[in-house]
Amino acid sequence: MNWNWPDLDRDHPLHLPYKWMKRVVITLTGCTVLAVGIAMTVLPGPAFIVIPAGLAILGLEFAWARHTLQAIKKRGAILVEAARSKLP
């Protein structure tokens, strides 16, 4: 069976519900991953990996998440450079 999803251009009746459902799913997934990452700061787990993953998911829809992730990347690069300069 070769079934293709119809093109959801602006004239398609499912365009708006698809757009909103996509946004809701991305928001819920990103917030859940971010909350788990924040919980991992006090619980055992790799919070330094999960928090940026949550921000990356949220960054698909929200500019504030993209900017926060970029700031974290810059700070991480500074920390790595500082650690490398102190190694013999």
PDB file of N, CA and C in Angstrom:
ATOM      1  N   MET A   1       0.845  -1.187   0.000  1.00  0.00           N
ATOM      2  CA  MET A   1       0.000   0.000   0.000  1.00  0.00           C
ATOM      3  C   MET A   1       0.883   1.239   0.000  1.00  0.00           C
ATOM      4  N   ASN A   2       0.759   2.035  -0.997  1.00  0.00           N
ATOM      5  CA  ASN A   2       1.575   3.232  -1.143  1.00  0.00           C
ATOM      6  C   ASN A   2       0.704   4.456  -0.867  1.00  0.00           C
ATOM      7  N   TRP A   3       0.587   4.804   0.409  1.00  0.00           N
ATOM      8  CA  TRP A   3      -0.251   5.924   0.809  1.00  0.00           C
ATOM      9  C   TRP A   3       0.622   7.102   1.181  1.00  0.00           C
ATOM     10  N   ASN A   4       0.386   8.232   0.607  1.00  0.00           N
ATOM     11  CA  ASN A   4       1.156   9.443   0.902  1.00  0.00           C
ATOM     12  C   ASN A   4       0.290  10.429   1.663  1.00  0.00           C
ATOM     13  N   TRP A   5       0.900  11.064   2.651  1.00  0.00           N
ATOM     14  CA  TRP A   5       0.198  12.095   3.404  1.00  0.00           C
ATOM     15  C   TRP A   5      -0.047  13.272   2.476  1.00  0.00           C
ATOM     16  N   PRO A   6      -1.235  13.841   2.490  1.00  0.00           N
ATOM     17  CA  PRO A   6      -1.504  14.957   1.576  1.00  0.00           C
ATOM     18  C   PRO A   6      -0.656  16.168   1.940  1.00  0.00           C
ATOM     19  N   ASP A   7      -0.326  16.928   0.940  1.00  0.00           N
ATOM     20  CA  ASP A   7       0.420  18.159   1.179  1.00  0.00           C
ATOM     21  C   ASP A   7      -0.431  19.104   2.020  1.00  0.00           C
ATOM     22  N   LEU A   8       0.150  19.549   3.145  1.00  0.00           N
ATOM     23  CA  LEU A   8      -0.605  20.424   4.049  1.00  0.00           C
ATOM     24  C   LEU A   8      -0.239  21.878   3.772  1.00  0.00           C
ATOM     25  N   ASP A   9      -0.580  22.340   2.596  1.00  0.00           N
ATOM     26  CA  ASP A   9      -0.346  23.748   2.306  1.00  0.00           C
ATOM     27  C   ASP A   9      -1.418  24.580   3.006  1.00  0.00           C
ATOM     28  N   ARG A  10      -1.327  25.852   2.883  1.00  0.00           N
ATOM     29  CA  ARG A  10      -2.222  26.747   3.625  1.00  0.00           C
ATOM     30  C   ARG A  10      -3.698  26.564   3.259  1.00  0.00           C
ATOM     31  N   ASP A  11      -3.972  26.033   2.087  1.00  0.00           N
ATOM     32  CA  ASP A  11      -5.368  25.857   1.668  1.00  0.00           C
ATOM     33  C   ASP A  11      -5.977  24.560   2.192  1.00  0.00           C
ATOM     34  N   HIS A  12      -5.145  23.668   2.689  1.00  0.00           N
ATOM     35  CA  HIS A  12      -5.656  22.381   3.158  1.00  0.00           C
ATOM     36  C   HIS A  12      -6.402  22.577   4.481  1.00  0.00           C
ATOM     37  N   PRO A  13      -7.536  21.903   4.652  1.00  0.00           N
ATOM     38  CA  PRO A  13      -8.324  22.108   5.885  1.00  0.00           C
ATOM     39  C   PRO A  13      -7.628  21.621   7.153  1.00  0.00           C
ATOM     40  N   LEU A  14      -6.641  20.730   7.024  1.00  0.00           N
ATOM     41  CA  LEU A  14      -5.941  20.239   8.216  1.00  0.00           C
ATOM     42  C   LEU A  14      -4.666  21.025   8.531  1.00  0.00           C
ATOM     43  N   HIS A  15      -4.388  22.070   7.765  1.00  0.00           N
ATOM     44  CA  HIS A  15      -3.151  22.817   7.966  1.00  0.00           C
ATOM     45  C   HIS A  15      -3.075  23.431   9.367  1.00  0.00           C
ATOM     46  N   LEU A  16      -4.094  24.138   9.776  1.00  0.00           N
ATOM     47  CA  LEU A  16      -4.074  24.813  11.073  1.00  0.00           C
ATOM     48  C   LEU A  16      -4.076  23.828  12.249  1.00  0.00           C
ATOM     49  N   PRO A  17      -4.930  22.798  12.260  1.00  0.00           N
ATOM     50  CA  PRO A  17      -4.854  21.843  13.376  1.00  0.00           C
ATOM     51  C   PRO A  17      -3.508  21.120  13.437  1.00  0.00           C
ATOM     52  N   TYR A  18      -2.936  20.778  12.287  1.00  0.00           N
ATOM     53  CA  TYR A  18      -1.628  20.124  12.262  1.00  0.00           C
ATOM     54  C   TYR A  18      -0.559  21.038  12.847  1.00  0.00           C
ATOM     55  N   LYS A  19      -0.607  22.315  12.473  1.00  0.00           N
ATOM     56  CA  LYS A  19       0.368  23.282  12.965  1.00  0.00           C
ATOM     57  C   LYS A  19       0.284  23.413  14.491  1.00  0.00           C
ATOM     58  N   TRP A  20      -0.927  23.517  15.015  1.00  0.00           N
ATOM     59  CA  TRP A  20      -1.102  23.664  16.459  1.00  0.00           C
ATOM     60  C   TRP A  20      -0.736  22.390  17.213  1.00  0.00           C
ATOM     61  N   MET A  21      -1.105  21.237  16.663  1.00  0.00           N
ATOM     62  CA  MET A  21      -0.786  19.976  17.330  1.00  0.00           C
ATOM     63  C   MET A  21       0.721  19.750  17.353  1.00  0.00           C
ATOM     64  N   LYS A  22       1.392  20.109  16.271  1.00  0.00           N
ATOM     65  CA  LYS A  22       2.847  19.996  16.235  1.00  0.00           C
ATOM     66  C   LYS A  22       3.472  20.873  17.317  1.00  0.00           C
ATOM     67  N   ARG A  23       2.966  22.083  17.460  1.00  0.00           N
ATOM     68  CA  ARG A  23       3.497  22.993  18.470  1.00  0.00           C
ATOM     69  C   ARG A  23       3.247  22.469  19.887  1.00  0.00           C
ATOM     70  N   VAL A  24       2.074  21.915  20.122  1.00  0.00           N
ATOM     71  CA  VAL A  24       1.740  21.368  21.446  1.00  0.00           C
ATOM     72  C   VAL A  24       2.647  20.182  21.766  1.00  0.00           C
ATOM     73  N   VAL A  25       2.847  19.293  20.804  1.00  0.00           N
ATOM     74  CA  VAL A  25       3.687  18.110  21.037  1.00  0.00           C
ATOM     75  C   VAL A  25       5.130  18.517  21.300  1.00  0.00           C
ATOM     76  N   ILE A  26       5.650  19.452  20.529  1.00  0.00           N
ATOM     77  CA  ILE A  26       7.027  19.915  20.733  1.00  0.00           C
ATOM     78  C   ILE A  26       7.160  20.587  22.091  1.00  0.00           C
ATOM     79  N   THR A  27       6.184  21.400  22.469  1.00  0.00           N
ATOM     80  CA  THR A  27       6.238  22.095  23.756  1.00  0.00           C
ATOM     81  C   THR A  27       6.178  21.108  24.921  1.00  0.00           C
ATOM     82  N   LEU A  28       5.259  20.167  24.874  1.00  0.00           N
ATOM     83  CA  LEU A  28       5.144  19.197  25.960  1.00  0.00           C
ATOM     84  C   LEU A  28       6.383  18.309  26.066  1.00  0.00           C
ATOM     85  N   THR A  29       6.897  17.874  24.932  1.00  0.00           N
ATOM     86  CA  THR A  29       8.093  17.031  24.941  1.00  0.00           C
ATOM     87  C   THR A  29       9.295  17.797  25.467  1.00  0.00           C
ATOM     88  N   GLY A  30       9.489  19.005  24.965  1.00  0.00           N
ATOM     89  CA  GLY A  30      10.622  19.818  25.402  1.00  0.00           C
ATOM     90  C   GLY A  30      10.546  20.170  26.875  1.00  0.00           C
ATOM     91  N   CYS A  31       9.364  20.541  27.346  1.00  0.00           N
ATOM     92  CA  CYS A  31       9.209  20.880  28.771  1.00  0.00           C
ATOM     93  C   CYS A  31       9.440  19.663  29.661  1.00  0.00           C
ATOM     94  N   THR A  32       8.975  18.502  29.217  1.00  0.00           N
ATOM     95  CA  THR A  32       9.180  17.284  30.001  1.00  0.00           C
ATOM     96  C   THR A  32      10.662  16.941  30.087  1.00  0.00           C
ATOM     97  N   VAL A  33      11.358  16.979  28.950  1.00  0.00           N
ATOM     98  CA  VAL A  33      12.792  16.675  28.954  1.00  0.00           C
ATOM     99  C   VAL A  33      13.553  17.704  29.782  1.00  0.00           C
ATOM    100  N   LEU A  34      13.192  18.972  29.663  1.00  0.00           N
ATOM    101  CA  LEU A  34      13.850  20.017  30.446  1.00  0.00           C
ATOM    102  C   LEU A  34      13.591  19.823  31.944  1.00  0.00           C
ATOM    103  N   ALA A  35      12.365  19.493  32.320  1.00  0.00           N
ATOM    104  CA  ALA A  35      12.050  19.265  33.739  1.00  0.00           C
ATOM    105  C   ALA A  35      12.811  18.063  34.290  1.00  0.00           C
ATOM    106  N   VAL A  36      12.926  17.000  33.502  1.00  0.00           N
ATOM    107  CA  VAL A  36      13.696  15.836  33.937  1.00  0.00           C
ATOM    108  C   VAL A  36      15.162  16.227  34.097  1.00  0.00           C
ATOM    109  N   GLY A  37      15.676  17.026  33.193  1.00  0.00           N
ATOM    110  CA  GLY A  37      17.065  17.488  33.303  1.00  0.00           C
ATOM    111  C   GLY A  37      17.293  18.343  34.529  1.00  0.00           C
ATOM    112  N   ILE A  38      16.363  19.211  34.845  1.00  0.00           N
ATOM    113  CA  ILE A  38      16.488  20.041  36.045  1.00  0.00           C
ATOM    114  C   ILE A  38      16.418  19.162  37.295  1.00  0.00           C
ATOM    115  N   ALA A  39      15.551  18.157  37.268  1.00  0.00           N
ATOM    116  CA  ALA A  39      15.477  17.234  38.404  1.00  0.00           C
ATOM    117  C   ALA A  39      16.785  16.465  38.565  1.00  0.00           C
ATOM    118  N   MET A  40      17.458  16.209  37.462  1.00  0.00           N
ATOM    119  CA  MET A  40      18.714  15.474  37.526  1.00  0.00           C
ATOM    120  C   MET A  40      19.863  16.285  38.114  1.00  0.00           C
ATOM    121  N   THR A  41      19.651  17.560  38.335  1.00  0.00           N
ATOM    122  CA  THR A  41      20.703  18.332  39.001  1.00  0.00           C
ATOM    123  C   THR A  41      20.842  17.919  40.457  1.00  0.00           C
ATOM    124  N   VAL A  42      19.765  17.414  41.049  1.00  0.00           N
ATOM    125  CA  VAL A  42      19.836  16.926  42.428  1.00  0.00           C
ATOM    126  C   VAL A  42      19.701  15.407  42.508  1.00  0.00           C
ATOM    127  N   LEU A  43      19.173  14.794  41.467  1.00  0.00           N
ATOM    128  CA  LEU A  43      19.056  13.336  41.395  1.00  0.00           C
ATOM    129  C   LEU A  43      20.183  12.798  40.527  1.00  0.00           C
ATOM    130  N   PRO A  44      20.490  11.512  40.653  1.00  0.00           N
ATOM    131  CA  PRO A  44      21.545  10.967  39.799  1.00  0.00           C
ATOM    132  C   PRO A  44      21.117  10.927  38.338  1.00  0.00           C
ATOM    133  N   GLY A  45      22.000  11.371  37.483  1.00  0.00           N
ATOM    134  CA  GLY A  45      21.721  11.365  36.054  1.00  0.00           C
ATOM    135  C   GLY A  45      22.519  12.433  35.336  1.00  0.00           C
ATOM    136  N   PRO A  46      22.586  12.347  34.026  1.00  0.00           N
ATOM    137  CA  PRO A  46      23.386  13.284  33.233  1.00  0.00           C
ATOM    138  C   PRO A  46      22.631  14.576  32.908  1.00  0.00           C
ATOM    139  N   ALA A  47      22.472  15.436  33.888  1.00  0.00           N
ATOM    140  CA  ALA A  47      21.723  16.678  33.687  1.00  0.00           C
ATOM    141  C   ALA A  47      22.373  17.570  32.640  1.00  0.00           C
ATOM    142  N   PHE A  48      23.714  17.547  32.557  1.00  0.00           N
ATOM    143  CA  PHE A  48      24.405  18.413  31.608  1.00  0.00           C
ATOM    144  C   PHE A  48      24.173  17.982  30.159  1.00  0.00           C
ATOM    145  N   ILE A  49      23.594  16.812  29.951  1.00  0.00           N
ATOM    146  CA  ILE A  49      23.221  16.373  28.607  1.00  0.00           C
ATOM    147  C   ILE A  49      21.722  16.563  28.373  1.00  0.00           C
ATOM    148  N   VAL A  50      20.917  16.296  29.391  1.00  0.00           N
ATOM    149  CA  VAL A  50      19.463  16.311  29.233  1.00  0.00           C
ATOM    150  C   VAL A  50      18.917  17.736  29.142  1.00  0.00           C
ATOM    151  N   ILE A  51      19.463  18.659  29.909  1.00  0.00           N
ATOM    152  CA  ILE A  51      18.976  20.051  29.871  1.00  0.00           C
ATOM    153  C   ILE A  51      19.183  20.675  28.488  1.00  0.00           C
ATOM    154  N   PRO A  52      20.387  20.589  27.898  1.00  0.00           N
ATOM    155  CA  PRO A  52      20.519  21.116  26.530  1.00  0.00           C
ATOM    156  C   PRO A  52      19.638  20.387  25.509  1.00  0.00           C
ATOM    157  N   ALA A  53      19.393  19.100  25.722  1.00  0.00           N
ATOM    158  CA  ALA A  53      18.495  18.370  24.809  1.00  0.00           C
ATOM    159  C   ALA A  53      17.073  18.934  24.897  1.00  0.00           C
ATOM    160  N   GLY A  54      16.615  19.224  26.106  1.00  0.00           N
ATOM    161  CA  GLY A  54      15.295  19.831  26.273  1.00  0.00           C
ATOM    162  C   GLY A  54      15.220  21.212  25.644  1.00  0.00           C
ATOM    163  N   LEU A  55      16.281  21.984  25.805  1.00  0.00           N
ATOM    164  CA  LEU A  55      16.309  23.312  25.184  1.00  0.00           C
ATOM    165  C   LEU A  55      16.353  23.211  23.661  1.00  0.00           C
ATOM    166  N   ALA A  56      17.045  22.204  23.143  1.00  0.00           N
ATOM    167  CA  ALA A  56      17.094  22.020  21.689  1.00  0.00           C
ATOM    168  C   ALA A  56      15.717  21.655  21.143  1.00  0.00           C
ATOM    169  N   ILE A  57      14.984  20.829  21.870  1.00  0.00           N
ATOM    170  CA  ILE A  57      13.626  20.477  21.440  1.00  0.00           C
ATOM    171  C   ILE A  57      12.734  21.711  21.479  1.00  0.00           C
ATOM    172  N   LEU A  58      12.808  22.462  22.567  1.00  0.00           N
ATOM    173  CA  LEU A  58      12.004  23.689  22.661  1.00  0.00           C
ATOM    174  C   LEU A  58      12.449  24.722  21.634  1.00  0.00           C
ATOM    175  N   GLY A  59      13.726  24.696  21.266  1.00  0.00           N
ATOM    176  CA  GLY A  59      14.247  25.634  20.279  1.00  0.00           C
ATOM    177  C   GLY A  59      13.665  25.451  18.892  1.00  0.00           C
ATOM    178  N   LEU A  60      13.021  24.314  18.649  1.00  0.00           N
ATOM    179  CA  LEU A  60      12.347  24.123  17.372  1.00  0.00           C
ATOM    180  C   LEU A  60      11.178  25.093  17.204  1.00  0.00           C
ATOM    181  N   GLU A  61      10.618  25.551  18.302  1.00  0.00           N
ATOM    182  CA  GLU A  61       9.453  26.441  18.251  1.00  0.00           C
ATOM    183  C   GLU A  61       9.661  27.803  18.897  1.00  0.00           C
ATOM    184  N   PHE A  62      10.600  27.912  19.848  1.00  0.00           N
ATOM    185  CA  PHE A  62      10.702  29.135  20.632  1.00  0.00           C
ATOM    186  C   PHE A  62      12.090  29.749  20.528  1.00  0.00           C
ATOM    187  N   ALA A  63      12.136  31.041  20.254  1.00  0.00           N
ATOM    188  CA  ALA A  63      13.414  31.747  20.108  1.00  0.00           C
ATOM    189  C   ALA A  63      14.158  31.835  21.438  1.00  0.00           C
ATOM    190  N   TRP A  64      13.450  32.005  22.555  1.00  0.00           N
ATOM    191  CA  TRP A  64      14.134  32.126  23.851  1.00  0.00           C
ATOM    192  C   TRP A  64      14.925  30.864  24.167  1.00  0.00           C
ATOM    193  N   ALA A  65      14.427  29.708  23.760  1.00  0.00           N
ATOM    194  CA  ALA A  65      15.144  28.459  24.013  1.00  0.00           C
ATOM    195  C   ALA A  65      16.395  28.368  23.143  1.00  0.00           C
ATOM    196  N   ARG A  66      16.294  28.828  21.894  1.00  0.00           N
ATOM    197  CA  ARG A  66      17.477  28.845  21.013  1.00  0.00           C
ATOM    198  C   ARG A  66      18.550  29.760  21.572  1.00  0.00           C
ATOM    199  N   HIS A  67      18.157  30.939  22.052  1.00  0.00           N
ATOM    200  CA  HIS A  67      19.127  31.885  22.607  1.00  0.00           C
ATOM    201  C   HIS A  67      19.764  31.343  23.887  1.00  0.00           C
ATOM    202  N   THR A  68      18.968  30.714  24.738  1.00  0.00           N
ATOM    203  CA  THR A  68      19.508  30.129  25.962  1.00  0.00           C
ATOM    204  C   THR A  68      20.486  29.006  25.647  1.00  0.00           C
ATOM    205  N   LEU A  69      20.155  28.178  24.667  1.00  0.00           N
ATOM    206  CA  LEU A  69      21.052  27.092  24.273  1.00  0.00           C
ATOM    207  C   LEU A  69      22.355  27.641  23.700  1.00  0.00           C
ATOM    208  N   GLN A  70      22.283  28.703  22.909  1.00  0.00           N
ATOM    209  CA  GLN A  70      23.502  29.317  22.375  1.00  0.00           C
ATOM    210  C   GLN A  70      24.365  29.873  23.500  1.00  0.00           C
ATOM    211  N   ALA A  71      23.754  30.487  24.504  1.00  0.00           N
ATOM    212  CA  ALA A  71      24.516  31.017  25.642  1.00  0.00           C
ATOM    213  C   ALA A  71      25.190  29.893  26.413  1.00  0.00           C
ATOM    214  N   ILE A  72      24.490  28.779  26.596  1.00  0.00           N
ATOM    215  CA  ILE A  72      25.083  27.636  27.292  1.00  0.00           C
ATOM    216  C   ILE A  72      26.255  27.079  26.495  1.00  0.00           C
ATOM    217  N   LYS A  73      26.121  27.022  25.176  1.00  0.00           N
ATOM    218  CA  LYS A  73      27.220  26.536  24.337  1.00  0.00           C
ATOM    219  C   LYS A  73      28.441  27.446  24.450  1.00  0.00           C
ATOM    220  N   LYS A  74      28.215  28.752  24.468  1.00  0.00           N
ATOM    221  CA  LYS A  74      29.337  29.694  24.591  1.00  0.00           C
ATOM    222  C   LYS A  74      30.036  29.536  25.937  1.00  0.00           C
ATOM    223  N   ARG A  75      29.251  29.420  27.007  1.00  0.00           N
ATOM    224  CA  ARG A  75      29.844  29.236  28.339  1.00  0.00           C
ATOM    225  C   ARG A  75      30.585  27.904  28.433  1.00  0.00           C
ATOM    226  N   GLY A  76      30.050  26.883  27.819  1.00  0.00           N
ATOM    227  CA  GLY A  76      30.714  25.588  27.802  1.00  0.00           C
ATOM    228  C   GLY A  76      32.033  25.642  27.061  1.00  0.00           C
ATOM    229  N   ALA A  77      32.066  26.366  25.938  1.00  0.00           N
ATOM    230  CA  ALA A  77      33.313  26.508  25.188  1.00  0.00           C
ATOM    231  C   ALA A  77      34.354  27.265  25.999  1.00  0.00           C
ATOM    232  N   ILE A  78      33.926  28.263  26.749  1.00  0.00           N
ATOM    233  CA  ILE A  78      34.856  29.014  27.605  1.00  0.00           C
ATOM    234  C   ILE A  78      35.406  28.109  28.703  1.00  0.00           C
ATOM    235  N   LEU A  79      34.547  27.304  29.313  1.00  0.00           N
ATOM    236  CA  LEU A  79      35.001  26.384  30.352  1.00  0.00           C
ATOM    237  C   LEU A  79      35.971  25.331  29.809  1.00  0.00           C
ATOM    238  N   VAL A  80      35.699  24.820  28.635  1.00  0.00           N
ATOM    239  CA  VAL A  80      36.602  23.829  28.036  1.00  0.00           C
ATOM    240  C   VAL A  80      37.952  24.464  27.732  1.00  0.00           C
ATOM    241  N   GLU A  81      37.939  25.668  27.212  1.00  0.00           N
ATOM    242  CA  GLU A  81      39.200  26.359  26.898  1.00  0.00           C
ATOM    243  C   GLU A  81      39.992  26.649  28.175  1.00  0.00           C
ATOM    244  N   ALA A  82      39.303  27.043  29.234  1.00  0.00           N
ATOM    245  CA  ALA A  82      39.975  27.301  30.513  1.00  0.00           C
ATOM    246  C   ALA A  82      40.566  26.020  31.085  1.00  0.00           C
ATOM    247  N   ALA A  83      39.847  24.913  30.960  1.00  0.00           N
ATOM    248  CA  ALA A  83      40.368  23.640  31.468  1.00  0.00           C
ATOM    249  C   ALA A  83      41.562  23.178  30.652  1.00  0.00           C
ATOM    250  N   ARG A  84      41.524  23.384  29.331  1.00  0.00           N
ATOM    251  CA  ARG A  84      42.655  22.983  28.490  1.00  0.00           C
ATOM    252  C   ARG A  84      43.899  23.817  28.768  1.00  0.00           C
ATOM    253  N   SER A  85      43.702  25.076  29.087  1.00  0.00           N
ATOM    254  CA  SER A  85      44.867  25.937  29.333  1.00  0.00           C
ATOM    255  C   SER A  85      45.552  25.587  30.667  1.00  0.00           C
ATOM    256  N   LYS A  86      44.812  24.993  31.605  1.00  0.00           N
ATOM    257  CA  LYS A  86      45.390  24.633  32.899  1.00  0.00           C
ATOM    258  C   LYS A  86      46.046  23.256  32.883  1.00  0.00           C
ATOM    259  N   LEU A  87      45.772  22.451  31.879  1.00  0.00           N
ATOM    260  CA  LEU A  87      46.408  21.142  31.775  1.00  0.00           C
ATOM    261  C   LEU A  87      47.856  21.302  31.318  1.00  0.00           C
ATOM    262  N   PRO A  88      48.750  20.447  31.834  1.00  0.00           N
ATOM    263  CA  PRO A  88      50.163  20.565  31.416  1.00  0.00           C
ATOM    264  C   PRO A  88      50.399  20.164  29.994  1.00  0.00           C
TER     265      PRO A  88
END
